[in-house]
Amino acid sequence: MSKKTHLMSEKLKEEIAKELGVYDEVKKPGGWSNVSSKTCGKIVTKAIEIANRSVE
């Protein structure tokens, strides 16, 4: 059995989803499965930008 590792906090994902205007989709039944893979990619990109800023 594989162990799931969460690299991004749920809070951060939700904050970025709000910023991108898809938070309402996340809160619907089905949660993150309602969000397109393209939008999820944008969320990851935004999280990487935030991480890079915190390192600099």
Protein backbone atom coordinates (compact mmCIF):
# COMPACT_ATOMS: atom_id res chain seq x y z
CA MET A 1 0.00 0.00 0.00
CA SER A 2 1.39 3.39 -0.96
CA LYS A 3 1.50 6.26 1.47
CA LYS A 4 0.05 9.56 0.23
CA THR A 5 2.27 12.55 0.78
CA HIS A 6 0.71 15.99 0.69
CA LEU A 7 3.26 18.50 -0.53
CA MET A 8 0.86 21.44 -0.61
CA SER A 9 -1.42 22.31 2.28
CA GLU A 10 -5.16 22.29 1.72
CA LYS A 11 -5.25 25.89 2.94
CA LEU A 12 -2.77 27.02 0.28
CA LYS A 13 -4.64 25.15 -2.47
CA GLU A 14 -7.90 26.76 -1.39
CA GLU A 15 -6.35 30.25 -1.28
CA ILE A 16 -5.00 29.84 -4.80
CA ALA A 17 -8.33 28.41 -6.00
CA LYS A 18 -10.05 31.53 -4.64
CA GLU A 19 -7.52 33.70 -6.46
CA LEU A 20 -8.16 31.83 -9.72
CA GLY A 21 -11.94 31.94 -9.25
CA VAL A 22 -12.55 28.18 -8.96
CA TYR A 23 -13.11 27.90 -5.22
CA ASP A 24 -16.87 27.46 -5.68
CA GLU A 25 -16.18 24.35 -7.75
CA VAL A 26 -13.95 22.94 -5.01
CA LYS A 27 -16.68 23.39 -2.40
CA LYS A 28 -19.27 21.47 -4.46
CA PRO A 29 -19.75 17.74 -3.87
CA GLY A 30 -16.82 16.02 -5.54
CA GLY A 31 -14.35 18.66 -4.37
CA TRP A 32 -11.15 18.85 -6.38
CA SER A 33 -12.45 16.40 -8.99
CA ASN A 34 -14.66 19.27 -10.22
CA VAL A 35 -11.58 21.30 -11.17
CA SER A 36 -10.05 20.75 -14.61
CA SER A 37 -6.53 19.42 -14.94
CA LYS A 38 -5.57 22.64 -16.73
CA THR A 39 -6.70 24.69 -13.72
CA CYS A 40 -4.94 22.30 -11.33
CA GLY A 41 -1.77 22.93 -13.34
CA LYS A 42 -2.27 26.65 -12.88
CA ILE A 43 -2.64 26.10 -9.13
CA VAL A 44 0.64 24.16 -9.04
CA THR A 45 2.37 26.86 -11.09
CA LYS A 46 1.13 29.55 -8.70
CA ALA A 47 2.28 27.50 -5.68
CA ILE A 48 5.75 27.17 -7.23
CA GLU A 49 5.88 30.93 -7.78
CA ILE A 50 4.95 31.49 -4.11
CA ALA A 51 7.59 28.99 -2.95
CA ASN A 52 10.27 30.62 -5.10
CA ARG A 53 9.43 34.04 -3.67
CA SER A 54 9.76 32.72 -0.12
CA VAL A 55 13.20 31.25 -0.89
CA GLU A 56 14.59 34.46 -2.39
